[in-house]
Amino acid sequence: MKILFVCHANIARSFIAERILKGKLKARGRGDVVVTSAGLYDMKNSEADPLAVGLLLKTGFDASAHRSRILTEDMINEADRVIVMEEAQRQKLVERFPEQEDKVCLLKPFSPSFNPKSAPDIRDCHNRSAYHYRLCFAEIHEAIEGLIECI
């Protein structure tokens, strides 16, 4: 199975999700899932957001050697599931790749504590306060736990 996380720039949210899922799958001995990430905006091979890197390292996840990647048609075609952070991103992917709509979904609803009456987005933390990074990280971490139960 191939899972592709997508966010705006691939320097914070999708990078965090990729590294958390990889770490949790490795800890469970699951080598059957390939996890990658990409962004909708071309950040020209930028390094990961330093605050995102710090949160990953502080919680025991690998944060090394990440460079942003822009989403390509090949990436979305090869993925079994494409997981985005915001409804606007989901809509953008469905418009751009209508034949892939069935494999595109939001991450937050995988969270065991998700309330369907609440906002389904994991808001961007980039260039915001440390609190926003911790909140974003916590939402992603919890949703990954639920995602693992589905794969």
Protein backbone atom coordinates (compact mmCIF):
# COMPACT_ATOMS: atom_id res chain seq x y z
CA MET A 1 0.00 0.00 0.00
CA LYS A 2 1.20 3.54 -0.80
CA ILE A 3 0.01 6.53 1.22
CA LEU A 4 0.70 10.08 0.07
CA PHE A 5 0.17 13.03 2.43
CA VAL A 6 -0.44 16.41 0.78
CA CYS A 7 -0.59 19.92 2.19
CA HIS A 8 0.12 23.38 0.84
CA ALA A 9 3.93 23.48 0.88
CA ASN A 10 5.20 20.11 2.19
CA ILE A 11 7.34 21.72 4.85
CA ALA A 12 5.16 21.26 7.96
CA ARG A 13 1.86 19.31 8.05
CA SER A 14 2.34 16.67 5.35
CA PHE A 15 5.96 16.25 6.42
CA ILE A 16 4.90 15.76 10.05
CA ALA A 17 2.21 13.26 9.04
CA GLU A 18 4.65 11.32 6.85
CA ARG A 19 7.25 11.03 9.60
CA ILE A 20 4.78 10.12 12.35
CA LEU A 21 3.15 7.41 10.24
CA LYS A 22 6.53 6.02 9.15
CA GLY A 23 7.71 5.91 12.77
CA LYS A 24 4.57 4.24 14.08
CA LEU A 25 4.52 1.67 11.29
CA LYS A 26 8.19 0.86 11.86
CA ALA A 27 7.55 0.40 15.59
CA ARG A 28 4.77 -2.07 14.74
CA GLY A 29 6.97 -3.97 12.29
CA ARG A 30 4.86 -2.92 9.32
CA GLY A 31 7.02 -2.80 6.23
CA ASP A 32 4.11 -3.22 3.84
CA VAL A 33 3.19 0.47 3.64
CA VAL A 34 5.13 3.09 1.68
CA VAL A 35 4.58 6.62 3.02
CA THR A 36 5.50 9.83 1.19
CA SER A 37 4.44 13.47 1.13
CA ALA A 38 4.19 16.38 -1.28
CA GLY A 39 2.83 19.90 -1.57
CA LEU A 40 0.49 21.73 -3.88
CA TYR A 41 2.84 24.72 -4.08
CA ASP A 42 6.37 24.48 -5.41
CA MET A 43 8.68 25.42 -2.54
CA LYS A 44 11.75 24.74 -4.69
CA ASN A 45 13.14 21.85 -2.64
CA SER A 46 12.97 23.80 0.65
CA GLU A 47 14.01 22.32 3.98
CA ALA A 48 11.35 21.38 6.49
CA ASP A 49 10.02 24.00 8.87
CA PRO A 50 12.45 24.13 11.84
CA LEU A 51 9.67 24.12 14.44
CA ALA A 52 8.13 21.03 12.82
CA VAL A 53 11.54 19.35 12.85
CA GLY A 54 11.95 20.22 16.53
CA LEU A 55 8.58 18.74 17.48
CA LEU A 56 9.33 15.52 15.62
CA LEU A 57 12.74 15.15 17.24
CA LYS A 58 11.39 15.99 20.70
CA THR A 59 8.80 13.21 20.39
CA GLY A 60 11.19 10.58 19.01
CA PHE A 61 10.41 10.71 15.30
CA ASP A 62 12.94 10.95 12.47
CA ALA A 63 13.11 14.44 11.04
CA SER A 64 16.24 14.17 8.93
CA ALA A 65 16.90 15.12 5.33
CA HIS A 66 13.46 16.34 4.31
CA ARG A 67 13.09 18.51 1.23
CA SER A 68 9.77 19.79 -0.07
CA ARG A 69 8.36 18.16 -3.18
CA ILE A 70 5.62 19.42 -5.44
CA LEU A 71 2.78 17.01 -6.15
CA THR A 72 2.94 15.37 -9.56
CA GLU A 73 0.43 13.37 -11.52
CA ASP A 74 2.65 10.29 -11.19
CA MET A 75 2.63 10.59 -7.40
CA ILE A 76 -1.14 10.71 -7.19
CA ASN A 77 -1.53 7.90 -9.73
CA GLU A 78 0.85 5.63 -7.80
CA ALA A 79 -0.73 6.26 -4.40
CA ASP A 80 -3.44 4.01 -3.01
CA ARG A 81 -4.61 6.75 -0.68
CA VAL A 82 -3.98 10.51 -0.85
CA ILE A 83 -4.55 12.24 2.47
CA VAL A 84 -4.88 16.02 2.71
CA MET A 85 -5.09 18.45 5.62
CA GLU A 86 -7.87 20.76 4.46
CA GLU A 87 -11.14 20.46 2.55
CA ALA A 88 -9.92 23.14 0.12
CA GLN A 89 -6.93 20.92 -0.71
CA ARG A 90 -9.22 17.93 -1.23
CA GLN A 91 -11.38 19.95 -3.60
CA LYS A 92 -8.33 21.22 -5.50
CA LEU A 93 -7.06 17.66 -6.02
CA VAL A 94 -10.46 16.39 -7.11
CA GLU A 95 -10.72 19.23 -9.64
CA ARG A 96 -7.23 18.56 -10.95
CA PHE A 97 -7.49 14.74 -10.89
CA PRO A 98 -11.22 13.86 -11.02
CA GLU A 99 -10.49 10.22 -11.87
CA GLN A 100 -8.65 9.90 -8.51
CA GLU A 101 -11.45 11.29 -6.31
CA ASP A 102 -12.09 7.99 -4.53
CA LYS A 103 -8.57 7.88 -3.09
CA VAL A 104 -8.44 11.49 -1.80
CA CYS A 105 -9.55 12.10 1.79
CA LEU A 106 -8.99 14.32 4.82
CA LEU A 107 -6.70 13.25 7.68
CA LYS A 108 -8.53 14.71 10.68
CA PRO A 109 -11.66 12.50 10.42
CA PHE A 110 -9.44 9.45 11.11
CA SER A 111 -8.99 10.77 14.65
CA PRO A 112 -10.82 8.63 17.24
CA SER A 113 -12.08 11.81 18.92
CA PHE A 114 -13.21 13.52 15.71
CA ASN A 115 -16.64 15.13 15.95
CA PRO A 116 -18.37 15.35 12.55
CA LYS A 117 -19.90 18.66 13.67
CA SER A 118 -16.45 20.21 14.09
CA ALA A 119 -14.15 21.58 11.39
CA PRO A 120 -12.53 18.77 9.37
CA ASP A 121 -9.34 20.73 8.65
CA ILE A 122 -5.95 20.56 10.30
CA ARG A 123 -5.01 24.22 10.09
CA ASP A 124 -1.62 25.31 8.87
CA CYS A 125 0.83 26.07 11.67
CA HIS A 126 3.61 27.50 9.50
CA ASN A 127 4.82 30.92 10.70
CA ARG A 128 2.42 30.86 13.65
CA SER A 129 3.05 30.51 17.38
CA ALA A 130 4.60 27.50 19.10
CA TYR A 131 1.11 26.75 20.46
CA HIS A 132 -0.23 26.38 16.90
CA TYR A 133 2.60 23.97 16.02
CA ARG A 134 1.87 21.84 19.10
CA LEU A 135 -1.86 21.84 18.32
CA CYS A 136 -1.24 20.89 14.69
CA PHE A 137 1.20 18.15 15.75
CA ALA A 138 -1.29 16.76 18.30
CA GLU A 139 -4.14 16.70 15.77
CA ILE A 140 -1.97 14.92 13.20
CA HIS A 141 -0.62 12.46 15.78
CA GLU A 142 -4.09 11.50 16.97
CA ALA A 143 -5.45 11.15 13.44
CA ILE A 144 -2.50 8.92 12.47
CA GLU A 145 -3.45 6.56 15.31
CA GLY A 146 -6.90 6.20 13.78
CA LEU A 147 -5.48 5.89 10.27
CA ILE A 148 -3.27 2.97 11.31
CA GLU A 149 -6.39 1.07 12.37
CA CYS A 150 -7.69 1.40 8.78
CA ILE A 151 -4.58 0.20 6.95
